[in-house]
Amino acid sequence: MAYPAALEALVDAFERFPGIGRRTAERLAFHILRDPSSRGLSRAIEEAVTRAQRCGRCCNVAESDPCPLCADPDRDDSLLCVVEEPRHVEAMERSGAFKGRYHVLMGSYNPAEGSEPRHLTLEQLLRRVGEERPREVILATDPDQEGEATAQLVSEALRSGHPGASSESGPRITRLARGLPAGSAIEYLHRGVLEDALAGRRPV
């Protein structure tokens, strides 16, 4: 017997999420039916979609523009840390190891899965570097294959847009130290690992 149309629609909605297959989607749907408190999910989704927006400066997700980090006058304007996702900003801030500015690419470079340079916030980054002229641009992408490809893409874009990059006339371009465990994700790293990686960053 098929599920009722409303339940089937809920299962289909969960199945659209990355990494969620049919069986997991069914478990999530039935959990919502069993647990009345989980029915606040729809309100939470509506709130997030309605209130969250992209910061016009760093492209991070926030409820204001500029976001609180960009609006903070105590941050170091000479350091610009480029990360793939908003969750990486949260991880860096949780570590307390970085006091500069951020730029969020909103993804990684992976042509095999359809992610191309135009899907990232590269143009905004190049424009920002030209306007703000940071002393150093830190490429803080994940230490995996996609992260390495993304760092290479950003590095080449910065050098193309700013031929003096990594020289006295342009920003120094660095990458987080290779002390980061290969294949790991930044948001799961221990504070000490992030501190060491920032301290040991190298030119690219």
N, C-alpha and C. Protein backbone atom coordinates (compact mmCIF):
# COMPACT_ATOMS: atom_id res chain seq x y z
N MET A 1 0.83 -1.20 0.00
CA MET A 1 0.00 0.00 0.00
C MET A 1 0.87 1.25 0.00
N ALA A 2 0.58 2.19 -0.87
CA ALA A 2 1.36 3.42 -0.98
C ALA A 2 1.09 4.34 0.20
N TYR A 3 2.07 5.19 0.50
CA TYR A 3 1.88 6.18 1.56
C TYR A 3 0.82 7.20 1.12
N PRO A 4 0.14 7.83 2.08
CA PRO A 4 -0.74 8.95 1.73
C PRO A 4 0.06 10.03 1.00
N ALA A 5 -0.59 10.79 0.16
CA ALA A 5 0.10 11.77 -0.67
C ALA A 5 0.90 12.77 0.16
N ALA A 6 0.35 13.20 1.30
CA ALA A 6 1.05 14.19 2.12
C ALA A 6 2.33 13.61 2.71
N LEU A 7 2.25 12.34 3.15
CA LEU A 7 3.43 11.69 3.72
C LEU A 7 4.47 11.44 2.63
N GLU A 8 4.02 11.02 1.48
CA GLU A 8 4.94 10.78 0.37
C GLU A 8 5.65 12.07 -0.03
N ALA A 9 4.95 13.18 0.01
CA ALA A 9 5.56 14.47 -0.31
C ALA A 9 6.63 14.83 0.71
N LEU A 10 6.40 14.50 1.99
CA LEU A 10 7.39 14.78 3.03
C LEU A 10 8.63 13.92 2.83
N VAL A 11 8.43 12.64 2.52
CA VAL A 11 9.56 11.75 2.25
C VAL A 11 10.36 12.27 1.06
N ASP A 12 9.68 12.67 0.00
CA ASP A 12 10.36 13.19 -1.18
C ASP A 12 11.17 14.45 -0.85
N ALA A 13 10.62 15.30 0.03
CA ALA A 13 11.32 16.53 0.41
C ALA A 13 12.62 16.21 1.14
N PHE A 14 12.57 15.24 2.08
CA PHE A 14 13.78 14.86 2.79
C PHE A 14 14.79 14.21 1.83
N GLU A 15 14.31 13.47 0.87
CA GLU A 15 15.20 12.74 -0.05
C GLU A 15 15.99 13.69 -0.95
N ARG A 16 15.55 14.93 -1.06
CA ARG A 16 16.27 15.90 -1.88
C ARG A 16 17.52 16.43 -1.18
N PHE A 17 17.63 16.20 0.14
CA PHE A 17 18.80 16.66 0.86
C PHE A 17 20.03 15.84 0.48
N PRO A 18 21.22 16.46 0.43
CA PRO A 18 22.45 15.72 0.10
C PRO A 18 22.69 14.59 1.07
N GLY A 19 23.02 13.42 0.56
CA GLY A 19 23.35 12.27 1.39
C GLY A 19 22.18 11.56 2.01
N ILE A 20 20.95 11.98 1.71
CA ILE A 20 19.76 11.35 2.28
C ILE A 20 19.12 10.45 1.23
N GLY A 21 19.09 9.14 1.51
CA GLY A 21 18.45 8.20 0.61
C GLY A 21 17.00 7.96 1.00
N ARG A 22 16.34 7.08 0.27
CA ARG A 22 14.92 6.83 0.49
C ARG A 22 14.63 6.33 1.91
N ARG A 23 15.40 5.37 2.40
CA ARG A 23 15.11 4.79 3.71
C ARG A 23 15.31 5.80 4.83
N THR A 24 16.38 6.59 4.74
CA THR A 24 16.61 7.62 5.75
C THR A 24 15.50 8.67 5.70
N ALA A 25 15.08 9.02 4.50
CA ALA A 25 14.00 10.01 4.35
C ALA A 25 12.71 9.49 4.99
N GLU A 26 12.44 8.21 4.83
CA GLU A 26 11.25 7.63 5.46
C GLU A 26 11.34 7.67 6.98
N ARG A 27 12.54 7.35 7.52
CA ARG A 27 12.71 7.39 8.98
C ARG A 27 12.50 8.80 9.52
N LEU A 28 13.02 9.78 8.83
CA LEU A 28 12.85 11.17 9.26
C LEU A 28 11.38 11.58 9.23
N ALA A 29 10.69 11.18 8.16
CA ALA A 29 9.28 11.54 8.03
C ALA A 29 8.44 10.91 9.14
N PHE A 30 8.69 9.65 9.43
CA PHE A 30 7.92 8.97 10.48
C PHE A 30 8.28 9.50 11.87
N HIS A 31 9.54 9.94 12.04
CA HIS A 31 9.92 10.55 13.32
C HIS A 31 9.10 11.82 13.55
N ILE A 32 8.92 12.61 12.53
CA ILE A 32 8.12 13.84 12.66
C ILE A 32 6.68 13.50 13.02
N LEU A 33 6.15 12.44 12.44
CA LEU A 33 4.77 12.05 12.76
C LEU A 33 4.64 11.57 14.20
N ARG A 34 5.68 10.92 14.72
CA ARG A 34 5.62 10.37 16.08
C ARG A 34 5.88 11.42 17.15
N ASP A 35 6.75 12.39 16.85
CA ASP A 35 7.21 13.34 17.88
C ASP A 35 6.62 14.72 17.61
N PRO A 36 5.62 15.13 18.36
CA PRO A 36 4.99 16.44 18.13
C PRO A 36 5.97 17.61 18.20
N SER A 37 7.01 17.50 19.06
CA SER A 37 7.95 18.62 19.19
C SER A 37 8.75 18.86 17.93
N SER A 38 8.91 17.82 17.11
CA SER A 38 9.70 17.98 15.88
C SER A 38 8.94 18.73 14.80
N ARG A 39 7.65 18.98 15.04
CA ARG A 39 6.87 19.68 14.04
C ARG A 39 7.21 21.17 13.96
N GLY A 40 8.04 21.62 14.89
CA GLY A 40 8.54 22.99 14.79
C GLY A 40 9.57 23.15 13.68
N LEU A 41 9.94 22.03 13.03
CA LEU A 41 10.91 22.09 11.95
C LEU A 41 10.46 23.03 10.83
N SER A 42 9.19 22.96 10.49
CA SER A 42 8.70 23.81 9.38
C SER A 42 8.84 25.29 9.72
N ARG A 43 8.58 25.64 10.98
CA ARG A 43 8.75 27.03 11.39
C ARG A 43 10.22 27.44 11.37
N ALA A 44 11.08 26.53 11.81
CA ALA A 44 12.51 26.83 11.81
C ALA A 44 13.03 27.04 10.39
N ILE A 45 12.56 26.21 9.47
CA ILE A 45 12.97 26.37 8.06
C ILE A 45 12.48 27.70 7.51
N GLU A 46 11.22 28.03 7.80
CA GLU A 46 10.65 29.28 7.31
C GLU A 46 11.40 30.48 7.87
N GLU A 47 11.75 30.42 9.17
CA GLU A 47 12.51 31.51 9.80
C GLU A 47 13.87 31.67 9.14
N ALA A 48 14.56 30.53 8.92
CA ALA A 48 15.90 30.60 8.34
C ALA A 48 15.85 31.17 6.92
N VAL A 49 14.89 30.71 6.13
CA VAL A 49 14.78 31.18 4.75
C VAL A 49 14.41 32.66 4.71
N THR A 50 13.56 33.09 5.63
CA THR A 50 13.08 34.47 5.64
C THR A 50 14.13 35.44 6.18
N ARG A 51 14.83 35.05 7.26
CA ARG A 51 15.71 35.99 7.96
C ARG A 51 17.16 35.93 7.52
N ALA A 52 17.62 34.77 7.08
CA ALA A 52 19.04 34.65 6.71
C ALA A 52 19.29 35.34 5.37
N GLN A 53 20.42 36.00 5.27
CA GLN A 53 20.81 36.67 4.04
C GLN A 53 22.31 36.61 3.89
N ARG A 54 22.80 36.97 2.73
CA ARG A 54 24.23 36.98 2.49
C ARG A 54 24.80 38.35 2.79
N CYS A 55 25.91 38.39 3.51
CA CYS A 55 26.60 39.64 3.76
C CYS A 55 27.16 40.16 2.44
N GLY A 56 26.92 41.42 2.13
CA GLY A 56 27.38 41.99 0.88
C GLY A 56 28.88 42.16 0.80
N ARG A 57 29.57 42.02 1.93
CA ARG A 57 31.02 42.19 1.94
C ARG A 57 31.75 40.86 1.91
N CYS A 58 31.43 39.96 2.84
CA CYS A 58 32.18 38.70 2.95
C CYS A 58 31.43 37.50 2.39
N CYS A 59 30.15 37.66 2.05
CA CYS A 59 29.30 36.59 1.50
C CYS A 59 28.92 35.53 2.52
N ASN A 60 29.19 35.77 3.80
CA ASN A 60 28.77 34.84 4.83
C ASN A 60 27.26 34.97 5.05
N VAL A 61 26.67 33.98 5.70
CA VAL A 61 25.25 34.01 6.00
C VAL A 61 25.04 34.69 7.35
N ALA A 62 24.11 35.64 7.40
CA ALA A 62 23.85 36.38 8.63
C ALA A 62 22.43 36.92 8.59
N GLU A 63 22.04 37.62 9.64
CA GLU A 63 20.73 38.26 9.68
C GLU A 63 20.83 39.76 9.46
N SER A 64 22.04 40.24 9.17
CA SER A 64 22.23 41.66 8.91
C SER A 64 23.28 41.83 7.82
N ASP A 65 23.28 42.98 7.18
CA ASP A 65 24.24 43.30 6.14
C ASP A 65 24.75 44.72 6.38
N PRO A 66 26.02 44.90 6.78
CA PRO A 66 27.04 43.86 6.89
C PRO A 66 26.82 42.94 8.09
N CYS A 67 27.46 41.77 8.04
CA CYS A 67 27.33 40.81 9.14
C CYS A 67 28.10 41.32 10.36
N PRO A 68 27.87 40.74 11.54
CA PRO A 68 28.57 41.21 12.75
C PRO A 68 30.09 41.17 12.65
N LEU A 69 30.65 40.19 11.94
CA LEU A 69 32.11 40.11 11.83
C LEU A 69 32.66 41.23 10.96
N CYS A 70 31.96 41.54 9.88
CA CYS A 70 32.41 42.63 9.01
C CYS A 70 32.20 43.98 9.68
N ALA A 71 31.21 44.08 10.53
CA ALA A 71 30.91 45.34 11.22
C ALA A 71 31.79 45.57 12.43
N ASP A 72 32.55 44.57 12.85
CA ASP A 72 33.37 44.66 14.05
C ASP A 72 34.63 45.50 13.75
N PRO A 73 34.78 46.67 14.36
CA PRO A 73 35.94 47.53 14.07
C PRO A 73 37.25 46.99 14.64
N ASP A 74 37.18 45.99 15.51
CA ASP A 74 38.39 45.47 16.13
C ASP A 74 39.06 44.36 15.32
N ARG A 75 38.45 43.94 14.22
CA ARG A 75 39.07 42.91 13.39
C ARG A 75 40.23 43.51 12.61
N ASP A 76 41.20 42.66 12.27
CA ASP A 76 42.40 43.08 11.54
C ASP A 76 42.10 43.11 10.04
N ASP A 77 42.01 44.31 9.46
CA ASP A 77 41.69 44.46 8.04
C ASP A 77 42.80 43.99 7.11
N SER A 78 44.00 43.82 7.64
CA SER A 78 45.13 43.45 6.78
C SER A 78 45.18 41.96 6.48
N LEU A 79 44.37 41.16 7.20
CA LEU A 79 44.35 39.71 7.00
C LEU A 79 42.98 39.28 6.48
N LEU A 80 42.96 38.59 5.35
CA LEU A 80 41.71 38.11 4.76
C LEU A 80 41.78 36.60 4.62
N CYS A 81 40.92 35.90 5.32
CA CYS A 81 40.91 34.43 5.33
C CYS A 81 39.79 33.94 4.40
N VAL A 82 40.15 33.20 3.37
CA VAL A 82 39.19 32.69 2.40
C VAL A 82 38.81 31.26 2.75
N VAL A 83 37.51 31.02 3.00
CA VAL A 83 37.02 29.69 3.36
C VAL A 83 35.95 29.25 2.37
N GLU A 84 35.64 27.97 2.39
CA GLU A 84 34.66 27.43 1.44
C GLU A 84 33.23 27.69 1.86
N GLU A 85 32.91 27.47 3.14
CA GLU A 85 31.52 27.49 3.59
C GLU A 85 31.35 28.31 4.87
N PRO A 86 30.14 28.79 5.14
CA PRO A 86 29.89 29.51 6.39
C PRO A 86 30.27 28.71 7.64
N ARG A 87 30.11 27.38 7.59
CA ARG A 87 30.45 26.58 8.77
C ARG A 87 31.94 26.64 9.09
N HIS A 88 32.76 26.95 8.09
CA HIS A 88 34.20 27.07 8.33
C HIS A 88 34.51 28.37 9.08
N VAL A 89 33.74 29.42 8.82
CA VAL A 89 33.90 30.66 9.59
C VAL A 89 33.58 30.37 11.06
N GLU A 90 32.50 29.65 11.29
CA GLU A 90 32.09 29.32 12.66
C GLU A 90 33.18 28.52 13.35
N ALA A 91 33.81 27.57 12.62
CA ALA A 91 34.87 26.75 13.22
C ALA A 91 36.08 27.60 13.56
N MET A 92 36.47 28.50 12.67
CA MET A 92 37.61 29.37 12.93
C MET A 92 37.34 30.29 14.12
N GLU A 93 36.13 30.83 14.18
CA GLU A 93 35.78 31.71 15.29
C GLU A 93 35.74 30.95 16.61
N ARG A 94 35.26 29.71 16.57
CA ARG A 94 35.20 28.89 17.77
C ARG A 94 36.60 28.61 18.31
N SER A 95 37.58 28.52 17.41
CA SER A 95 38.96 28.26 17.84
C SER A 95 39.58 29.48 18.51
N GLY A 96 39.10 30.67 18.16
CA GLY A 96 39.69 31.90 18.70
C GLY A 96 41.07 32.19 18.16
N ALA A 97 41.48 31.49 17.09
CA ALA A 97 42.85 31.59 16.58
C ALA A 97 43.03 32.67 15.53
N PHE A 98 41.94 33.26 15.05
CA PHE A 98 42.04 34.22 13.94
C PHE A 98 41.23 35.47 14.25
N LYS A 99 41.83 36.64 14.03
CA LYS A 99 41.17 37.90 14.35
C LYS A 99 41.07 38.82 13.14
N GLY A 100 41.25 38.27 11.95
CA GLY A 100 41.15 39.09 10.74
C GLY A 100 39.76 39.05 10.15
N ARG A 101 39.69 39.28 8.83
CA ARG A 101 38.43 39.28 8.09
C ARG A 101 38.28 37.97 7.34
N TYR A 102 37.05 37.69 6.90
CA TYR A 102 36.76 36.46 6.15
C TYR A 102 36.17 36.77 4.78
N HIS A 103 36.33 35.79 3.89
CA HIS A 103 35.56 35.79 2.65
C HIS A 103 35.10 34.35 2.41
N VAL A 104 33.80 34.17 2.18
CA VAL A 104 33.22 32.84 2.03
C VAL A 104 32.93 32.57 0.55
N LEU A 105 33.52 31.50 0.01
CA LEU A 105 33.35 31.16 -1.39
C LEU A 105 31.99 30.56 -1.70
N MET A 106 31.30 30.07 -0.66
CA MET A 106 30.00 29.40 -0.82
C MET A 106 30.11 28.15 -1.69
N GLY A 107 31.14 27.36 -1.42
CA GLY A 107 31.30 26.10 -2.13
C GLY A 107 32.76 25.81 -2.42
N SER A 108 32.99 24.70 -3.09
CA SER A 108 34.34 24.32 -3.50
C SER A 108 34.35 24.04 -5.00
N TYR A 109 35.53 23.99 -5.58
CA TYR A 109 35.69 23.77 -7.01
C TYR A 109 35.77 22.28 -7.29
N ASN A 110 34.75 21.74 -7.94
CA ASN A 110 34.70 20.31 -8.25
C ASN A 110 33.95 20.12 -9.56
N PRO A 111 34.63 20.28 -10.71
CA PRO A 111 33.96 20.16 -12.01
C PRO A 111 33.25 18.83 -12.21
N ALA A 112 33.78 17.75 -11.60
CA ALA A 112 33.17 16.43 -11.77
C ALA A 112 31.75 16.38 -11.23
N GLU A 113 31.46 17.23 -10.24
CA GLU A 113 30.12 17.27 -9.66
C GLU A 113 29.36 18.53 -10.04
N GLY A 114 29.86 19.22 -11.07
CA GLY A 114 29.13 20.37 -11.60
C GLY A 114 29.45 21.70 -10.95
N SER A 115 30.42 21.75 -10.04
CA SER A 115 30.79 23.00 -9.39
C SER A 115 31.89 23.68 -10.20
N GLU A 116 31.59 24.86 -10.73
CA GLU A 116 32.52 25.59 -11.57
C GLU A 116 32.86 26.93 -10.92
N PRO A 117 33.90 27.61 -11.42
CA PRO A 117 34.28 28.90 -10.83
C PRO A 117 33.13 29.90 -10.74
N ARG A 118 32.22 29.88 -11.71
CA ARG A 118 31.11 30.85 -11.70
C ARG A 118 30.14 30.60 -10.54
N HIS A 119 30.19 29.41 -9.95
CA HIS A 119 29.31 29.12 -8.81
C HIS A 119 29.89 29.64 -7.49
N LEU A 120 31.14 30.07 -7.50
CA LEU A 120 31.79 30.57 -6.30
C LEU A 120 31.79 32.10 -6.31
N THR A 121 32.15 32.69 -5.18
CA THR A 121 32.14 34.15 -5.06
C THR A 121 33.52 34.73 -5.39
N LEU A 122 34.12 34.21 -6.48
CA LEU A 122 35.45 34.65 -6.87
C LEU A 122 35.47 36.11 -7.31
N GLU A 123 34.46 36.52 -8.08
CA GLU A 123 34.43 37.90 -8.56
C GLU A 123 34.37 38.88 -7.39
N GLN A 124 33.53 38.55 -6.41
CA GLN A 124 33.44 39.41 -5.22
C GLN A 124 34.78 39.46 -4.48
N LEU A 125 35.47 38.31 -4.43
CA LEU A 125 36.76 38.26 -3.74
C LEU A 125 37.78 39.14 -4.45
N LEU A 126 37.87 39.02 -5.77
CA LEU A 126 38.83 39.83 -6.52
C LEU A 126 38.55 41.32 -6.37
N ARG A 127 37.28 41.67 -6.45
CA ARG A 127 36.90 43.08 -6.29
C ARG A 127 37.27 43.57 -4.89
N ARG A 128 37.02 42.73 -3.92
CA ARG A 128 37.29 43.10 -2.52
C ARG A 128 38.78 43.28 -2.27
N VAL A 129 39.59 42.37 -2.78
CA VAL A 129 41.03 42.48 -2.60
C VAL A 129 41.55 43.76 -3.25
N GLY A 130 40.99 44.09 -4.44
CA GLY A 130 41.40 45.32 -5.11
C GLY A 130 41.03 46.57 -4.34
N GLU A 131 39.88 46.53 -3.68
CA GLU A 131 39.41 47.71 -2.94
C GLU A 131 40.03 47.82 -1.56
N GLU A 132 40.12 46.70 -0.85
CA GLU A 132 40.56 46.74 0.55
C GLU A 132 42.07 46.57 0.71
N ARG A 133 42.71 45.97 -0.29
CA ARG A 133 44.16 45.78 -0.31
C ARG A 133 44.70 45.17 0.99
N PRO A 134 44.27 43.96 1.34
CA PRO A 134 44.81 43.31 2.54
C PRO A 134 46.29 42.99 2.36
N ARG A 135 47.00 42.91 3.46
CA ARG A 135 48.42 42.55 3.41
C ARG A 135 48.61 41.08 3.06
N GLU A 136 47.67 40.25 3.52
CA GLU A 136 47.79 38.81 3.29
C GLU A 136 46.43 38.19 3.05
N VAL A 137 46.37 37.26 2.08
CA VAL A 137 45.17 36.47 1.82
C VAL A 137 45.49 35.03 2.20
N ILE A 138 44.77 34.50 3.18
CA ILE A 138 45.01 33.14 3.67
C ILE A 138 43.98 32.20 3.05
N LEU A 139 44.43 31.19 2.33
CA LEU A 139 43.53 30.23 1.71
C LEU A 139 43.30 29.10 2.72
N ALA A 140 42.14 29.11 3.36
CA ALA A 140 41.81 28.15 4.42
C ALA A 140 40.77 27.16 3.93
N THR A 141 41.07 26.51 2.80
CA THR A 141 40.17 25.49 2.28
C THR A 141 40.52 24.14 2.90
N ASP A 142 39.59 23.20 2.78
CA ASP A 142 39.81 21.88 3.38
C ASP A 142 41.06 21.21 2.79
N PRO A 143 41.80 20.43 3.59
CA PRO A 143 42.99 19.73 3.11
C PRO A 143 42.64 18.42 2.42
N ASP A 144 41.70 18.48 1.47
CA ASP A 144 41.36 17.30 0.68
C ASP A 144 41.47 17.68 -0.80
N GLN A 145 41.11 16.76 -1.70
CA GLN A 145 41.29 17.00 -3.12
C GLN A 145 40.52 18.22 -3.61
N GLU A 146 39.26 18.35 -3.17
CA GLU A 146 38.47 19.50 -3.58
C GLU A 146 39.03 20.79 -3.01
N GLY A 147 39.47 20.74 -1.75
CA GLY A 147 40.03 21.92 -1.12
C GLY A 147 41.31 22.38 -1.80
N GLU A 148 42.14 21.43 -2.19
CA GLU A 148 43.38 21.77 -2.89
C GLU A 148 43.07 22.40 -4.25
N ALA A 149 42.11 21.82 -4.96
CA ALA A 149 41.73 22.38 -6.27
C ALA A 149 41.16 23.78 -6.12
N THR A 150 40.38 23.99 -5.05
CA THR A 150 39.79 25.30 -4.79
C THR A 150 40.87 26.31 -4.46
N ALA A 151 41.84 25.93 -3.63
CA ALA A 151 42.94 26.84 -3.27
C ALA A 151 43.74 27.22 -4.51
N GLN A 152 43.98 26.24 -5.38
CA GLN A 152 44.72 26.52 -6.61
C GLN A 152 43.95 27.48 -7.51
N LEU A 153 42.65 27.26 -7.62
CA LEU A 153 41.80 28.13 -8.43
C LEU A 153 41.84 29.57 -7.90
N VAL A 154 41.67 29.73 -6.60
CA VAL A 154 41.66 31.06 -6.00
C VAL A 154 43.02 31.73 -6.14
N SER A 155 44.09 30.98 -5.92
CA SER A 155 45.43 31.52 -6.04
C SER A 155 45.69 32.04 -7.46
N GLU A 156 45.30 31.24 -8.45
CA GLU A 156 45.50 31.66 -9.84
C GLU A 156 44.64 32.88 -10.18
N ALA A 157 43.41 32.91 -9.65
CA ALA A 157 42.54 34.05 -9.91
C ALA A 157 43.10 35.32 -9.29
N LEU A 158 43.64 35.20 -8.08
CA LEU A 158 44.23 36.37 -7.42
C LEU A 158 45.44 36.88 -8.19
N ARG A 159 46.27 35.97 -8.67
CA ARG A 159 47.46 36.38 -9.42
C ARG A 159 47.09 36.96 -10.77
N SER A 160 46.03 36.43 -11.39
CA SER A 160 45.58 36.97 -12.68
C SER A 160 44.98 38.37 -12.51
N GLY A 161 44.19 38.51 -11.44
CA GLY A 161 43.55 39.80 -11.19
C GLY A 161 44.49 40.82 -10.59
N HIS A 162 45.54 40.31 -9.90
CA HIS A 162 46.50 41.18 -9.24
C HIS A 162 47.90 40.62 -9.50
N PRO A 163 48.52 40.98 -10.62
CA PRO A 163 49.82 40.41 -11.00
C PRO A 163 50.89 40.56 -9.92
N GLY A 164 50.71 41.52 -9.01
CA GLY A 164 51.71 41.71 -7.97
C GLY A 164 51.49 40.86 -6.74
N ALA A 165 50.47 39.98 -6.76
CA ALA A 165 50.17 39.17 -5.58
C ALA A 165 51.39 38.38 -5.15
N SER A 166 51.58 38.27 -3.85
CA SER A 166 52.72 37.60 -3.23
C SER A 166 54.03 38.33 -3.52
N SER A 167 53.97 39.58 -3.92
CA SER A 167 55.16 40.42 -4.03
C SER A 167 54.94 41.65 -3.17
N GLU A 168 55.90 42.56 -3.17
CA GLU A 168 55.78 43.74 -2.33
C GLU A 168 54.61 44.63 -2.76
N SER A 169 54.18 44.53 -4.02
CA SER A 169 53.12 45.41 -4.51
C SER A 169 51.73 44.81 -4.37
N GLY A 170 51.62 43.59 -3.88
CA GLY A 170 50.31 42.96 -3.76
C GLY A 170 50.22 42.13 -2.50
N PRO A 171 49.06 41.55 -2.25
CA PRO A 171 48.91 40.76 -1.02
C PRO A 171 49.73 39.48 -1.05
N ARG A 172 50.23 39.10 0.08
CA ARG A 172 50.89 37.81 0.22
C ARG A 172 49.80 36.74 0.23
N ILE A 173 49.97 35.68 -0.54
CA ILE A 173 48.99 34.60 -0.60
C ILE A 173 49.58 33.40 0.13
N THR A 174 48.88 32.93 1.18
CA THR A 174 49.35 31.79 1.94
C THR A 174 48.27 30.72 2.01
N ARG A 175 48.69 29.53 2.37
CA ARG A 175 47.79 28.38 2.53
C ARG A 175 47.99 27.86 3.95
N LEU A 176 46.93 27.36 4.58
CA LEU A 176 47.09 26.76 5.90
C LEU A 176 48.15 25.67 5.85
N ALA A 177 48.92 25.55 6.92
CA ALA A 177 50.02 24.60 6.97
C ALA A 177 49.54 23.18 6.74
N ARG A 178 50.41 22.35 6.19
CA ARG A 178 50.06 20.96 5.91
C ARG A 178 49.96 20.12 7.17
N GLY A 179 50.10 20.73 8.34
CA GLY A 179 49.89 20.00 9.57
C GLY A 179 48.44 19.57 9.75
N LEU A 180 47.54 20.15 8.94
CA LEU A 180 46.16 19.70 8.99
C LEU A 180 46.06 18.26 8.51
N PRO A 181 45.31 17.41 9.18
CA PRO A 181 45.20 16.02 8.75
C PRO A 181 44.59 15.92 7.35
N ALA A 182 45.25 15.18 6.46
CA ALA A 182 44.75 15.02 5.09
C ALA A 182 43.37 14.38 5.11
N GLY A 183 42.48 14.92 4.29
CA GLY A 183 41.14 14.36 4.19
C GLY A 183 40.19 14.82 5.27
N SER A 184 40.66 15.69 6.17
CA SER A 184 39.80 16.14 7.27
C SER A 184 38.98 17.35 6.84
N ALA A 185 38.01 17.73 7.66
CA ALA A 185 37.18 18.90 7.40
C ALA A 185 37.44 19.93 8.49
N ILE A 186 37.56 21.19 8.10
CA ILE A 186 37.97 22.24 9.03
C ILE A 186 37.03 22.35 10.23
N GLU A 187 35.71 22.17 9.99
CA GLU A 187 34.77 22.39 11.09
C GLU A 187 34.91 21.37 12.21
N TYR A 188 35.63 20.24 11.95
CA TYR A 188 35.77 19.21 12.97
C TYR A 188 37.14 19.24 13.66
N LEU A 189 37.98 20.20 13.29
CA LEU A 189 39.33 20.21 13.82
C LEU A 189 39.39 20.81 15.23
N HIS A 190 40.33 20.30 16.02
CA HIS A 190 40.56 20.81 17.38
C HIS A 190 41.17 22.21 17.30
N ARG A 191 40.89 23.01 18.32
CA ARG A 191 41.41 24.38 18.36
C ARG A 191 42.92 24.42 18.17
N GLY A 192 43.63 23.53 18.84
CA GLY A 192 45.09 23.54 18.74
C GLY A 192 45.58 23.26 17.34
N VAL A 193 44.89 22.38 16.62
CA VAL A 193 45.28 22.06 15.25
C VAL A 193 45.12 23.30 14.37
N LEU A 194 44.01 24.01 14.55
CA LEU A 194 43.78 25.23 13.77
C LEU A 194 44.82 26.30 14.11
N GLU A 195 45.14 26.44 15.38
CA GLU A 195 46.13 27.43 15.79
C GLU A 195 47.49 27.13 15.15
N ASP A 196 47.89 25.86 15.16
CA ASP A 196 49.17 25.47 14.56
C ASP A 196 49.15 25.70 13.06
N ALA A 197 48.03 25.38 12.42
CA ALA A 197 47.93 25.54 10.97
C ALA A 197 48.02 27.01 10.58
N LEU A 198 47.37 27.87 11.36
CA LEU A 198 47.44 29.31 11.07
C LEU A 198 48.85 29.84 11.30
N ALA A 199 49.47 29.40 12.39
CA ALA A 199 50.82 29.87 12.71
C ALA A 199 51.83 29.40 11.66
N GLY A 200 51.61 28.22 11.09
CA GLY A 200 52.57 27.66 10.15
C GLY A 200 52.17 27.81 8.71
N ARG A 201 51.26 28.74 8.38
CA ARG A 201 50.82 28.90 6.98
C ARG A 201 52.01 29.26 6.10
N ARG A 202 51.93 28.90 4.83
CA ARG A 202 53.06 29.05 3.91
C ARG A 202 52.64 29.77 2.65
N PRO A 203 53.60 30.37 1.94
CA PRO A 203 53.27 31.01 0.66
C PRO A 203 52.83 29.97 -0.36
N VAL A 204 52.01 30.39 -1.33
CA VAL A 204 51.58 29.49 -2.41
C VAL A 204 51.89 30.13 -3.75
